[in-house]
Every structure is written in structure tokens, then in C-alpha cells.
Amino acid sequence: MSTRAILALCVLLALLGWFALGSFTYHNPPEGWNRWIAAAILGPALWATFLPLAYEIHLRMDRSENIVPLAARQSALAALYLTICVGLRFIQALNWANAMLLLALFVLTEVLLSAREDQ
């Protein structure tokens, strides 16, 4: 599949994911399992939203090889970070210390994975 097709598919999936999230939260009260279902819809919607943005950033930085896998990994890490923060907020366990610790963990993960690829 070409890069243009992957990016077009991501834009379509992002629109579909945000529509599904908005429709689900509009028709269901935020109680019990509905919160976790909304968080499960949020993760892929964020990933599909961040992928074209990360691809464009790497394209502007003049990286010519393996842009799509790198952008996919970085957008997945960003989406996972935000989804975990939403989940922590649901159980009222999110504070600045947890958010910064999680951010440091995800940045360290990306640095180690990038260093492994460069070898």
C-alpha cells in the first residue's frame, strides 16, 4: 500500500473514530462501563489523528526513509499516553506527578527504540 493511501485511510479512520466517539458519548451517559468503552474508542481515534501529523513533521525534517513506521510508532505512543491519562482521570488518580512520570516513561521508550534502529 502506498504512503498516500495509508495517510488517506488514516484521515478516514480518524473522522470515523471521532464521529463514533461523539455519537457514543452523546447517546450514553458517562457511567460505569460506558467510560471505558469511550476510552477504548478514543485510543484508535487519537492514533489515526496523530499519524498524518507525525508523518508530515518527519517529512518536513527531511527524513526520507522509513517515515511511516516511525510516525506510526510515535503516534501510537502519544495516543497510548493520552488514553492512559484519560483512564487515570476516570479513576481520579491523575495528577501532575503521574502525568510527568508517564511522559518520561514514554519519551524514554521512544529514545531507546530510536537508538536501537540507528544501529
PDB file of N, CA and C in Angstrom:
ATOM      1  N   MET A   1       0.851  -1.171   0.000  1.00  0.00           N
ATOM      2  CA  MET A   1       0.000   0.000   0.000  1.00  0.00           C
ATOM      3  C   MET A   1       0.897   1.233   0.000  1.00  0.00           C
ATOM      4  N   SER A   2       0.532   2.201  -0.789  1.00  0.00           N
ATOM      5  CA  SER A   2       1.355   3.398  -0.894  1.00  0.00           C
ATOM      6  C   SER A   2       1.155   4.297   0.324  1.00  0.00           C
ATOM      7  N   THR A   3       2.097   5.200   0.491  1.00  0.00           N
ATOM      8  CA  THR A   3       2.037   6.125   1.620  1.00  0.00           C
ATOM      9  C   THR A   3       0.817   7.019   1.534  1.00  0.00           C
ATOM     10  N   ARG A   4       0.502   7.470   0.346  1.00  0.00           N
ATOM     11  CA  ARG A   4      -0.667   8.340   0.167  1.00  0.00           C
ATOM     12  C   ARG A   4      -1.951   7.603   0.552  1.00  0.00           C
ATOM     13  N   ALA A   5      -2.056   6.333   0.215  1.00  0.00           N
ATOM     14  CA  ALA A   5      -3.240   5.547   0.570  1.00  0.00           C
ATOM     15  C   ALA A   5      -3.316   5.333   2.079  1.00  0.00           C
ATOM     16  N   ILE A   6      -2.169   5.099   2.707  1.00  0.00           N
ATOM     17  CA  ILE A   6      -2.147   4.918   4.163  1.00  0.00           C
ATOM     18  C   ILE A   6      -2.599   6.192   4.867  1.00  0.00           C
ATOM     19  N   LEU A   7      -2.116   7.329   4.409  1.00  0.00           N
ATOM     20  CA  LEU A   7      -2.496   8.597   5.037  1.00  0.00           C
ATOM     21  C   LEU A   7      -3.965   8.926   4.791  1.00  0.00           C
ATOM     22  N   ALA A   8      -4.469   8.631   3.603  1.00  0.00           N
ATOM     23  CA  ALA A   8      -5.882   8.856   3.324  1.00  0.00           C
ATOM     24  C   ALA A   8      -6.752   7.945   4.190  1.00  0.00           C
ATOM     25  N   LEU A   9      -6.327   6.701   4.359  1.00  0.00           N
ATOM     26  CA  LEU A   9      -7.049   5.779   5.223  1.00  0.00           C
ATOM     27  C   LEU A   9      -7.040   6.255   6.673  1.00  0.00           C
ATOM     28  N   CYS A  10      -5.916   6.803   7.120  1.00  0.00           N
ATOM     29  CA  CYS A  10      -5.834   7.312   8.493  1.00  0.00           C
ATOM     30  C   CYS A  10      -6.759   8.506   8.705  1.00  0.00           C
ATOM     31  N   VAL A  11      -6.839   9.378   7.726  1.00  0.00           N
ATOM     32  CA  VAL A  11      -7.750  10.522   7.837  1.00  0.00           C
ATOM     33  C   VAL A  11      -9.194  10.022   7.904  1.00  0.00           C
ATOM     34  N   LEU A  12      -9.530   9.053   7.066  1.00  0.00           N
ATOM     35  CA  LEU A  12     -10.873   8.486   7.081  1.00  0.00           C
ATOM     36  C   LEU A  12     -11.168   7.796   8.415  1.00  0.00           C
ATOM     37  N   LEU A  13     -10.206   7.015   8.912  1.00  0.00           N
ATOM     38  CA  LEU A  13     -10.396   6.339  10.202  1.00  0.00           C
ATOM     39  C   LEU A  13     -10.478   7.328  11.356  1.00  0.00           C
ATOM     40  N   ALA A  14      -9.722   8.417  11.283  1.00  0.00           N
ATOM     41  CA  ALA A  14      -9.793   9.435  12.329  1.00  0.00           C
ATOM     42  C   ALA A  14     -11.175  10.077  12.354  1.00  0.00           C
ATOM     43  N   LEU A  15     -11.681  10.438  11.187  1.00  0.00           N
ATOM     44  CA  LEU A  15     -13.024  11.022  11.132  1.00  0.00           C
ATOM     45  C   LEU A  15     -14.077  10.043  11.643  1.00  0.00           C
ATOM     46  N   LEU A  16     -13.963   8.787  11.240  1.00  0.00           N
ATOM     47  CA  LEU A  16     -14.894   7.766  11.694  1.00  0.00           C
ATOM     48  C   LEU A  16     -14.789   7.553  13.206  1.00  0.00           C
ATOM     49  N   GLY A  17     -13.554   7.538  13.730  1.00  0.00           N
ATOM     50  CA  GLY A  17     -13.355   7.348  15.168  1.00  0.00           C
ATOM     51  C   GLY A  17     -13.907   8.492  15.996  1.00  0.00           C
ATOM     52  N   TRP A  18     -13.677   9.720  15.548  1.00  0.00           N
ATOM     53  CA  TRP A  18     -14.197  10.868  16.297  1.00  0.00           C
ATOM     54  C   TRP A  18     -15.718  10.932  16.204  1.00  0.00           C
ATOM     55  N   PHE A  19     -16.275  10.569  15.044  1.00  0.00           N
ATOM     56  CA  PHE A  19     -17.731  10.509  14.918  1.00  0.00           C
ATOM     57  C   PHE A  19     -18.304   9.435  15.837  1.00  0.00           C
ATOM     58  N   ALA A  20     -17.660   8.269  15.882  1.00  0.00           N
ATOM     59  CA  ALA A  20     -18.123   7.187  16.753  1.00  0.00           C
ATOM     60  C   ALA A  20     -18.036   7.591  18.224  1.00  0.00           C
ATOM     61  N   LEU A  21     -16.950   8.256  18.598  1.00  0.00           N
ATOM     62  CA  LEU A  21     -16.799   8.695  19.986  1.00  0.00           C
ATOM     63  C   LEU A  21     -17.849   9.733  20.349  1.00  0.00           C
ATOM     64  N   GLY A  22     -18.061  10.696  19.470  1.00  0.00           N
ATOM     65  CA  GLY A  22     -19.073  11.719  19.735  1.00  0.00           C
ATOM     66  C   GLY A  22     -20.469  11.131  19.799  1.00  0.00           C
ATOM     67  N   SER A  23     -20.783  10.223  18.888  1.00  0.00           N
ATOM     68  CA  SER A  23     -22.094   9.588  18.876  1.00  0.00           C
ATOM     69  C   SER A  23     -22.297   8.724  20.124  1.00  0.00           C
ATOM     70  N   PHE A  24     -21.264   7.974  20.506  1.00  0.00           N
ATOM     71  CA  PHE A  24     -21.380   7.114  21.680  1.00  0.00           C
ATOM     72  C   PHE A  24     -21.572   7.939  22.948  1.00  0.00           C
ATOM     73  N   THR A  25     -20.789   8.995  23.107  1.00  0.00           N
ATOM     74  CA  THR A  25     -20.905   9.795  24.330  1.00  0.00           C
ATOM     75  C   THR A  25     -22.177  10.631  24.343  1.00  0.00           C
ATOM     76  N   TYR A  26     -22.729  10.937  23.179  1.00  0.00           N
ATOM     77  CA  TYR A  26     -23.987  11.687  23.131  1.00  0.00           C
ATOM     78  C   TYR A  26     -25.166  10.817  23.557  1.00  0.00           C
ATOM     79  N   HIS A  27     -25.156   9.546  23.137  1.00  0.00           N
ATOM     80  CA  HIS A  27     -26.293   8.671  23.383  1.00  0.00           C
ATOM     81  C   HIS A  27     -26.179   7.841  24.654  1.00  0.00           C
ATOM     82  N   ASN A  28     -25.042   7.841  25.320  1.00  0.00           N
ATOM     83  CA  ASN A  28     -24.856   7.036  26.527  1.00  0.00           C
ATOM     84  C   ASN A  28     -24.357   7.906  27.663  1.00  0.00           C
ATOM     85  N   PRO A  29     -24.944   7.758  28.845  1.00  0.00           N
ATOM     86  CA  PRO A  29     -24.471   8.546  29.983  1.00  0.00           C
ATOM     87  C   PRO A  29     -23.083   8.069  30.431  1.00  0.00           C
ATOM     88  N   PRO A  30     -22.266   8.975  30.972  1.00  0.00           N
ATOM     89  CA  PRO A  30     -20.903   8.586  31.378  1.00  0.00           C
ATOM     90  C   PRO A  30     -20.890   7.855  32.718  1.00  0.00           C
ATOM     91  N   GLU A  31     -21.422   6.647  32.727  1.00  0.00           N
ATOM     92  CA  GLU A  31     -21.483   5.857  33.949  1.00  0.00           C
ATOM     93  C   GLU A  31     -20.904   4.473  33.696  1.00  0.00           C
ATOM     94  N   GLY A  32     -20.219   3.952  34.684  1.00  0.00           N
ATOM     95  CA  GLY A  32     -19.761   2.566  34.655  1.00  0.00           C
ATOM     96  C   GLY A  32     -18.902   2.225  33.457  1.00  0.00           C
ATOM     97  N   TRP A  33     -19.331   1.199  32.734  1.00  0.00           N
ATOM     98  CA  TRP A  33     -18.547   0.689  31.611  1.00  0.00           C
ATOM     99  C   TRP A  33     -18.523   1.643  30.427  1.00  0.00           C
ATOM    100  N   ASN A  34     -19.475   2.544  30.346  1.00  0.00           N
ATOM    101  CA  ASN A  34     -19.510   3.476  29.213  1.00  0.00           C
ATOM    102  C   ASN A  34     -18.253   4.345  29.151  1.00  0.00           C
ATOM    103  N   ARG A  35     -17.705   4.674  30.295  1.00  0.00           N
ATOM    104  CA  ARG A  35     -16.461   5.456  30.313  1.00  0.00           C
ATOM    105  C   ARG A  35     -15.318   4.678  29.680  1.00  0.00           C
ATOM    106  N   TRP A  36     -15.220   3.404  29.994  1.00  0.00           N
ATOM    107  CA  TRP A  36     -14.121   2.586  29.474  1.00  0.00           C
ATOM    108  C   TRP A  36     -14.304   2.279  27.994  1.00  0.00           C
ATOM    109  N   ILE A  37     -15.552   2.161  27.565  1.00  0.00           N
ATOM    110  CA  ILE A  37     -15.811   1.981  26.135  1.00  0.00           C
ATOM    111  C   ILE A  37     -15.417   3.239  25.384  1.00  0.00           C
ATOM    112  N   ALA A  38     -15.712   4.401  25.959  1.00  0.00           N
ATOM    113  CA  ALA A  38     -15.317   5.669  25.332  1.00  0.00           C
ATOM    114  C   ALA A  38     -13.794   5.784  25.263  1.00  0.00           C
ATOM    115  N   ALA A  39     -13.110   5.340  26.308  1.00  0.00           N
ATOM    116  CA  ALA A  39     -11.641   5.364  26.286  1.00  0.00           C
ATOM    117  C   ALA A  39     -11.098   4.396  25.244  1.00  0.00           C
ATOM    118  N   ALA A  40     -11.768   3.252  25.055  1.00  0.00           N
ATOM    119  CA  ALA A  40     -11.341   2.301  24.027  1.00  0.00           C
ATOM    120  C   ALA A  40     -11.556   2.854  22.620  1.00  0.00           C
ATOM    121  N   ILE A  41     -12.572   3.672  22.437  1.00  0.00           N
ATOM    122  CA  ILE A  41     -12.786   4.316  21.140  1.00  0.00           C
ATOM    123  C   ILE A  41     -11.793   5.459  20.957  1.00  0.00           C
ATOM    124  N   LEU A  42     -11.441   6.127  22.045  1.00  0.00           N
ATOM    125  CA  LEU A  42     -10.535   7.274  21.984  1.00  0.00           C
ATOM    126  C   LEU A  42      -9.141   6.888  21.512  1.00  0.00           C
ATOM    127  N   GLY A  43      -8.615   5.762  21.942  1.00  0.00           N
ATOM    128  CA  GLY A  43      -7.257   5.346  21.592  1.00  0.00           C
ATOM    129  C   GLY A  43      -7.012   5.262  20.088  1.00  0.00           C
ATOM    130  N   PRO A  44      -7.786   4.455  19.359  1.00  0.00           N
ATOM    131  CA  PRO A  44      -7.576   4.393  17.904  1.00  0.00           C
ATOM    132  C   PRO A  44      -7.881   5.708  17.181  1.00  0.00           C
ATOM    133  N   ALA A  45      -8.843   6.470  17.698  1.00  0.00           N
ATOM    134  CA  ALA A  45      -9.148   7.764  17.069  1.00  0.00           C
ATOM    135  C   ALA A  45      -7.951   8.710  17.201  1.00  0.00           C
ATOM    136  N   LEU A  46      -7.322   8.714  18.357  1.00  0.00           N
ATOM    137  CA  LEU A  46      -6.132   9.542  18.536  1.00  0.00           C
ATOM    138  C   LEU A  46      -4.981   9.063  17.671  1.00  0.00           C
ATOM    139  N   TRP A  47      -4.793   7.749  17.585  1.00  0.00           N
ATOM    140  CA  TRP A  47      -3.707   7.210  16.760  1.00  0.00           C
ATOM    141  C   TRP A  47      -3.875   7.602  15.299  1.00  0.00           C
ATOM    142  N   ALA A  48      -5.097   7.442  14.799  1.00  0.00           N
ATOM    143  CA  ALA A  48      -5.352   7.792  13.396  1.00  0.00           C
ATOM    144  C   ALA A  48      -5.247   9.296  13.167  1.00  0.00           C
ATOM    145  N   THR A  49      -5.499  10.088  14.185  1.00  0.00           N
ATOM    146  CA  THR A  49      -5.360  11.542  14.060  1.00  0.00           C
ATOM    147  C   THR A  49      -3.896  11.956  14.077  1.00  0.00           C
ATOM    148  N   PHE A  50      -3.112  11.336  14.947  1.00  0.00           N
ATOM    149  CA  PHE A  50      -1.706  11.728  15.088  1.00  0.00           C
ATOM    150  C   PHE A  50      -0.805  11.222  13.966  1.00  0.00           C
ATOM    151  N   LEU A  51      -1.173  10.125  13.305  1.00  0.00           N
ATOM    152  CA  LEU A  51      -0.296   9.551  12.288  1.00  0.00           C
ATOM    153  C   LEU A  51       0.000  10.500  11.131  1.00  0.00           C
ATOM    154  N   PRO A  52      -0.991  11.131  10.498  1.00  0.00           N
ATOM    155  CA  PRO A  52      -0.645  12.071   9.419  1.00  0.00           C
ATOM    156  C   PRO A  52       0.164  13.272   9.915  1.00  0.00           C
ATOM    157  N   LEU A  53      -0.115  13.710  11.142  1.00  0.00           N
ATOM    158  CA  LEU A  53       0.645  14.836  11.695  1.00  0.00           C
ATOM    159  C   LEU A  53       2.105  14.452  11.922  1.00  0.00           C
ATOM    160  N   ALA A  54       2.338  13.283  12.491  1.00  0.00           N
ATOM    161  CA  ALA A  54       3.719  12.837  12.722  1.00  0.00           C
ATOM    162  C   ALA A  54       4.428  12.590  11.397  1.00  0.00           C
ATOM    163  N   TYR A  55       3.710  12.061  10.410  1.00  0.00           N
ATOM    164  CA  TYR A  55       4.306  11.846   9.090  1.00  0.00           C
ATOM    165  C   TYR A  55       4.734  13.176   8.479  1.00  0.00           C
ATOM    166  N   GLU A  56       3.881  14.170   8.566  1.00  0.00           N
ATOM    167  CA  GLU A  56       4.206  15.483   7.994  1.00  0.00           C
ATOM    168  C   GLU A  56       5.392  16.129   8.718  1.00  0.00           C
ATOM    169  N   ILE A  57       5.472  15.983  10.024  1.00  0.00           N
ATOM    170  CA  ILE A  57       6.607  16.532  10.783  1.00  0.00           C
ATOM    171  C   ILE A  57       7.903  15.867  10.341  1.00  0.00           C
ATOM    172  N   HIS A  58       7.903  14.548  10.202  1.00  0.00           N
ATOM    173  CA  HIS A  58       9.122  13.848   9.778  1.00  0.00           C
ATOM    174  C   HIS A  58       9.470  14.154   8.330  1.00  0.00           C
ATOM    175  N   LEU A  59       8.455  14.376   7.511  1.00  0.00           N
ATOM    176  CA  LEU A  59       8.707  14.749   6.122  1.00  0.00           C
ATOM    177  C   LEU A  59       9.348  16.129   6.045  1.00  0.00           C
ATOM    178  N   ARG A  60       8.898  17.042   6.886  1.00  0.00           N
ATOM    179  CA  ARG A  60       9.481  18.395   6.935  1.00  0.00           C
ATOM    180  C   ARG A  60      10.896  18.390   7.510  1.00  0.00           C
ATOM    181  N   MET A  61      11.190  17.415   8.367  1.00  0.00           N
ATOM    182  CA  MET A  61      12.536  17.312   8.932  1.00  0.00           C
ATOM    183  C   MET A  61      13.509  16.657   7.960  1.00  0.00           C
ATOM    184  N   ASP A  62      13.021  16.340   6.765  1.00  0.00           N
ATOM    185  CA  ASP A  62      13.842  15.818   5.673  1.00  0.00           C
ATOM    186  C   ASP A  62      14.349  14.402   5.931  1.00  0.00           C
ATOM    187  N   ARG A  63      13.559  13.608   6.590  1.00  0.00           N
ATOM    188  CA  ARG A  63      13.878  12.185   6.739  1.00  0.00           C
ATOM    189  C   ARG A  63      13.248  11.476   5.556  1.00  0.00           C
ATOM    190  N   SER A  64      14.021  10.748   4.824  1.00  0.00           N
ATOM    191  CA  SER A  64      13.500  10.169   3.593  1.00  0.00           C
ATOM    192  C   SER A  64      13.192   8.678   3.677  1.00  0.00           C
ATOM    193  N   GLU A  65      13.704   7.983   4.667  1.00  0.00           N
ATOM    194  CA  GLU A  65      13.492   6.539   4.710  1.00  0.00           C
ATOM    195  C   GLU A  65      12.781   6.130   5.996  1.00  0.00           C
ATOM    196  N   ASN A  66      11.895   5.174   5.864  1.00  0.00           N
ATOM    197  CA  ASN A  66      11.151   4.599   6.987  1.00  0.00           C
ATOM    198  C   ASN A  66      10.378   5.635   7.783  1.00  0.00           C
ATOM    199  N   ILE A  67       9.707   6.531   7.086  1.00  0.00           N
ATOM    200  CA  ILE A  67       8.949   7.560   7.790  1.00  0.00           C
ATOM    201  C   ILE A  67       7.652   6.989   8.361  1.00  0.00           C
ATOM    202  N   VAL A  68       6.956   6.167   7.594  1.00  0.00           N
ATOM    203  CA  VAL A  68       5.645   5.678   8.029  1.00  0.00           C
ATOM    204  C   VAL A  68       5.742   4.811   9.287  1.00  0.00           C
ATOM    205  N   PRO A  69       6.650   3.831   9.381  1.00  0.00           N
ATOM    206  CA  PRO A  69       6.724   3.063  10.632  1.00  0.00           C
ATOM    207  C   PRO A  69       7.116   3.921  11.845  1.00  0.00           C
ATOM    208  N   LEU A  70       8.013   4.862  11.631  1.00  0.00           N
ATOM    209  CA  LEU A  70       8.418   5.746  12.723  1.00  0.00           C
ATOM    210  C   LEU A  70       7.259   6.625  13.172  1.00  0.00           C
ATOM    211  N   ALA A  71       6.541   7.204  12.216  1.00  0.00           N
ATOM    212  CA  ALA A  71       5.392   8.046  12.550  1.00  0.00           C
ATOM    213  C   ALA A  71       4.293   7.221  13.209  1.00  0.00           C
ATOM    214  N   ALA A  72       4.095   5.985  12.754  1.00  0.00           N
ATOM    215  CA  ALA A  72       3.076   5.117  13.357  1.00  0.00           C
ATOM    216  C   ALA A  72       3.424   4.795  14.804  1.00  0.00           C
ATOM    217  N   ARG A  73       4.696   4.493  15.067  1.00  0.00           N
ATOM    218  CA  ARG A  73       5.107   4.186  16.434  1.00  0.00           C
ATOM    219  C   ARG A  73       4.960   5.399  17.343  1.00  0.00           C
ATOM    220  N   GLN A  74       5.390   6.547  16.878  1.00  0.00           N
ATOM    221  CA  GLN A  74       5.303   7.747  17.704  1.00  0.00           C
ATOM    222  C   GLN A  74       3.858   8.168  17.943  1.00  0.00           C
ATOM    223  N   SER A  75       3.022   8.037  16.929  1.00  0.00           N
ATOM    224  CA  SER A  75       1.620   8.399  17.126  1.00  0.00           C
ATOM    225  C   SER A  75       0.927   7.386  18.037  1.00  0.00           C
ATOM    226  N   ALA A  76       1.321   6.119  17.966  1.00  0.00           N
ATOM    227  CA  ALA A  76       0.753   5.115  18.874  1.00  0.00           C
ATOM    228  C   ALA A  76       1.168   5.391  20.316  1.00  0.00           C
ATOM    229  N   LEU A  77       2.405   5.784  20.524  1.00  0.00           N
ATOM    230  CA  LEU A  77       2.852   6.118  21.882  1.00  0.00           C
ATOM    231  C   LEU A  77       2.116   7.347  22.417  1.00  0.00           C
ATOM    232  N   ALA A  78       1.924   8.359  21.576  1.00  0.00           N
ATOM    233  CA  ALA A  78       1.200   9.558  22.006  1.00  0.00           C
ATOM    234  C   ALA A  78      -0.256   9.233  22.313  1.00  0.00           C
ATOM    235  N   ALA A  79      -0.880   8.417  21.470  1.00  0.00           N
ATOM    236  CA  ALA A  79      -2.271   8.037  21.703  1.00  0.00           C
ATOM    237  C   ALA A  79      -2.406   7.196  22.974  1.00  0.00           C
ATOM    238  N   LEU A  80      -1.468   6.289  23.188  1.00  0.00           N
ATOM    239  CA  LEU A  80      -1.497   5.469  24.395  1.00  0.00           C
ATOM    240  C   LEU A  80      -1.310   6.327  25.641  1.00  0.00           C
ATOM    241  N   TYR A  81      -0.401   7.288  25.570  1.00  0.00           N
ATOM    242  CA  TYR A  81      -0.180   8.189  26.708  1.00  0.00           C
ATOM    243  C   TYR A  81      -1.466   8.935  27.066  1.00  0.00           C
ATOM    244  N   LEU A  82      -2.115   9.523  26.074  1.00  0.00           N
ATOM    245  CA  LEU A  82      -3.334  10.287  26.349  1.00  0.00           C
ATOM    246  C   LEU A  82      -4.472   9.388  26.806  1.00  0.00           C
ATOM    247  N   THR A  83      -4.560   8.181  26.261  1.00  0.00           N
ATOM    248  CA  THR A  83      -5.612   7.258  26.681  1.00  0.00           C
ATOM    249  C   THR A  83      -5.392   6.796  28.122  1.00  0.00           C
ATOM    250  N   ILE A  84      -4.152   6.544  28.495  1.00  0.00           N
ATOM    251  CA  ILE A  84      -3.858   6.183  29.884  1.00  0.00           C
ATOM    252  C   ILE A  84      -4.170   7.349  30.817  1.00  0.00           C
ATOM    253  N   CYS A  85      -3.847   8.558  30.394  1.00  0.00           N
ATOM    254  CA  CYS A  85      -4.183   9.728  31.217  1.00  0.00           C
ATOM    255  C   CYS A  85      -5.694   9.861  31.399  1.00  0.00           C
ATOM    256  N   VAL A  86      -6.461   9.596  30.354  1.00  0.00           N
ATOM    257  CA  VAL A  86      -7.925   9.636  30.473  1.00  0.00           C
ATOM    258  C   VAL A  86      -8.403   8.548  31.428  1.00  0.00           C
ATOM    259  N   GLY A  87      -7.841   7.349  31.315  1.00  0.00           N
ATOM    260  CA  GLY A  87      -8.211   6.273  32.229  1.00  0.00           C
ATOM    261  C   GLY A  87      -7.872   6.599  33.676  1.00  0.00           C
ATOM    262  N   LEU A  88      -6.713   7.203  33.888  1.00  0.00           N
ATOM    263  CA  LEU A  88      -6.351   7.619  35.250  1.00  0.00           C
ATOM    264  C   LEU A  88      -7.278   8.710  35.759  1.00  0.00           C
ATOM    265  N   ARG A  89      -7.719   9.565  34.863  1.00  0.00           N
ATOM    266  CA  ARG A  89      -8.659  10.622  35.255  1.00  0.00           C
ATOM    267  C   ARG A  89     -10.006  10.022  35.634  1.00  0.00           C
ATOM    268  N   PHE A  90     -10.418   8.960  34.946  1.00  0.00           N
ATOM    269  CA  PHE A  90     -11.680   8.296  35.279  1.00  0.00           C
ATOM    270  C   PHE A  90     -11.672   7.771  36.702  1.00  0.00           C
ATOM    271  N   ILE A  91     -10.545   7.221  37.133  1.00  0.00           N
ATOM    272  CA  ILE A  91     -10.481   6.691  38.493  1.00  0.00           C
ATOM    273  C   ILE A  91      -9.930   7.715  39.473  1.00  0.00           C
ATOM    274  N   GLN A  92      -9.818   8.947  39.011  1.00  0.00           N
ATOM    275  CA  GLN A  92      -9.356  10.094  39.793  1.00  0.00           C
ATOM    276  C   GLN A  92      -7.975   9.851  40.402  1.00  0.00           C
ATOM    277  N   ALA A  93      -7.084   9.295  39.591  1.00  0.00           N
ATOM    278  CA  ALA A  93      -5.708   9.048  40.020  1.00  0.00           C
ATOM    279  C   ALA A  93      -4.710   9.873  39.218  1.00  0.00           C
ATOM    280  N   LEU A  94      -5.200  10.749  38.351  1.00  0.00           N
ATOM    281  CA  LEU A  94      -4.300  11.560  37.528  1.00  0.00           C
ATOM    282  C   LEU A  94      -3.904  12.818  38.286  1.00  0.00           C
ATOM    283  N   ASN A  95      -2.616  13.019  38.405  1.00  0.00           N
ATOM    284  CA  ASN A  95      -2.085  14.268  38.944  1.00  0.00           C
ATOM    285  C   ASN A  95      -0.839  14.622  38.140  1.00  0.00           C
ATOM    286  N   TRP A  96      -0.238  15.758  38.436  1.00  0.00           N
ATOM    287  CA  TRP A  96       0.914  16.200  37.651  1.00  0.00           C
ATOM    288  C   TRP A  96       2.088  15.232  37.754  1.00  0.00           C
ATOM    289  N   ALA A  97       2.287  14.661  38.926  1.00  0.00           N
ATOM    290  CA  ALA A  97       3.405  13.734  39.099  1.00  0.00           C
ATOM    291  C   ALA A  97       3.212  12.480  38.245  1.00  0.00           C
ATOM    292  N   ASN A  98       2.010  11.925  38.246  1.00  0.00           N
ATOM    293  CA  ASN A  98       1.745  10.747  37.415  1.00  0.00           C
ATOM    294  C   ASN A  98       1.878  11.074  35.933  1.00  0.00           C
ATOM    295  N   ALA A  99       1.352  12.221  35.531  1.00  0.00           N
ATOM    296  CA  ALA A  99       1.419  12.606  34.118  1.00  0.00           C
ATOM    297  C   ALA A  99       2.869  12.795  33.672  1.00  0.00           C
ATOM    298  N   MET A 100       3.684  13.449  34.480  1.00  0.00           N
ATOM    299  CA  MET A 100       5.086  13.672  34.116  1.00  0.00           C
ATOM    300  C   MET A 100       5.888  12.375  34.139  1.00  0.00           C
ATOM    301  N   LEU A 101       5.591  11.499  35.093  1.00  0.00           N
ATOM    302  CA  LEU A 101       6.267  10.207  35.149  1.00  0.00           C
ATOM    303  C   LEU A 101       5.923   9.351  33.930  1.00  0.00           C
ATOM    304  N   LEU A 102       4.660   9.343  33.562  1.00  0.00           N
ATOM    305  CA  LEU A 102       4.259   8.616  32.354  1.00  0.00           C
ATOM    306  C   LEU A 102       4.901   9.215  31.112  1.00  0.00           C
ATOM    307  N   LEU A 103       4.937  10.539  31.034  1.00  0.00           N
ATOM    308  CA  LEU A 103       5.557  11.197  29.887  1.00  0.00           C
ATOM    309  C   LEU A 103       7.033  10.843  29.793  1.00  0.00           C
ATOM    310  N   ALA A 104       7.727  10.852  30.926  1.00  0.00           N
ATOM    311  CA  ALA A 104       9.147  10.476  30.927  1.00  0.00           C
ATOM    312  C   ALA A 104       9.323   9.022  30.492  1.00  0.00           C
ATOM    313  N   LEU A 105       8.416   8.153  30.915  1.00  0.00           N
ATOM    314  CA  LEU A 105       8.483   6.749  30.524  1.00  0.00           C
ATOM    315  C   LEU A 105       8.307   6.584  29.014  1.00  0.00           C
ATOM    316  N   PHE A 106       7.346   7.287  28.439  1.00  0.00           N
ATOM    317  CA  PHE A 106       7.102   7.173  27.004  1.00  0.00           C
ATOM    318  C   PHE A 106       8.218   7.823  26.184  1.00  0.00           C
ATOM    319  N   VAL A 107       8.757   8.932  26.654  1.00  0.00           N
ATOM    320  CA  VAL A 107       9.889   9.554  25.952  1.00  0.00           C
ATOM    321  C   VAL A 107      11.110   8.642  26.007  1.00  0.00           C
ATOM    322  N   LEU A 108      11.378   8.051  27.147  1.00  0.00           N
ATOM    323  CA  LEU A 108      12.497   7.127  27.279  1.00  0.00           C
ATOM    324  C   LEU A 108      12.309   5.899  26.380  1.00  0.00           C
ATOM    325  N   THR A 109      11.081   5.410  26.297  1.00  0.00           N
ATOM    326  CA  THR A 109      10.799   4.290  25.399  1.00  0.00           C
ATOM    327  C   THR A 109      11.106   4.656  23.955  1.00  0.00           C
ATOM    328  N   GLU A 110      10.680   5.838  23.526  1.00  0.00           N
ATOM    329  CA  GLU A 110      10.938   6.268  22.148  1.00  0.00           C
ATOM    330  C   GLU A 110      12.431   6.475  21.895  1.00  0.00           C
ATOM    331  N   VAL A 111      13.143   7.028  22.857  1.00  0.00           N
ATOM    332  CA  VAL A 111      14.580   7.236  22.698  1.00  0.00           C
ATOM    333  C   VAL A 111      15.302   5.901  22.562  1.00  0.00           C
ATOM    334  N   LEU A 112      14.947   4.934  23.393  1.00  0.00           N
ATOM    335  CA  LEU A 112      15.589   3.626  23.318  1.00  0.00           C
ATOM    336  C   LEU A 112      15.249   2.891  22.023  1.00  0.00           C
ATOM    337  N   LEU A 113      14.002   2.983  21.579  1.00  0.00           N
ATOM    338  CA  LEU A 113      13.643   2.344  20.313  1.00  0.00           C
ATOM    339  C   LEU A 113      14.317   3.020  19.118  1.00  0.00           C
ATOM    340  N   SER A 114      14.457   4.329  19.159  1.00  0.00           N
ATOM    341  CA  SER A 114      15.131   5.048  18.082  1.00  0.00           C
ATOM    342  C   SER A 114      16.611   4.731  18.068  1.00  0.00           C
ATOM    343  N   ALA A 115      17.209   4.609  19.242  1.00  0.00           N
ATOM    344  CA  ALA A 115      18.648   4.273  19.294  1.00  0.00           C
ATOM    345  C   ALA A 115      18.882   2.859  18.783  1.00  0.00           C
ATOM    346  N   ARG A 116      17.948   1.971  19.036  1.00  0.00           N
ATOM    347  CA  ARG A 116      18.088   0.601  18.551  1.00  0.00           C
ATOM    348  C   ARG A 116      17.990   0.542  17.036  1.00  0.00           C
ATOM    349  N   GLU A 117      17.153   1.378  16.428  1.00  0.00           N
ATOM    350  CA  GLU A 117      17.011   1.405  14.982  1.00  0.00           C
ATOM    351  C   GLU A 117      18.241   1.990  14.284  1.00  0.00           C
ATOM    352  N   ASP A 118      18.919   2.914  14.936  1.00  0.00           N
ATOM    353  CA  ASP A 118      20.053   3.585  14.317  1.00  0.00           C
ATOM    354  C   ASP A 118      21.281   2.682  14.200  1.00  0.00           C
ATOM    355  N   GLN A 119      21.325   1.613  14.960  1.00  0.00           N
ATOM    356  CA  GLN A 119      22.492   0.734  14.935  1.00  0.00           C
ATOM    357  C   GLN A 119      22.532  -0.115  13.700  1.00  0.00           C
TER     358      GLN A 119
END
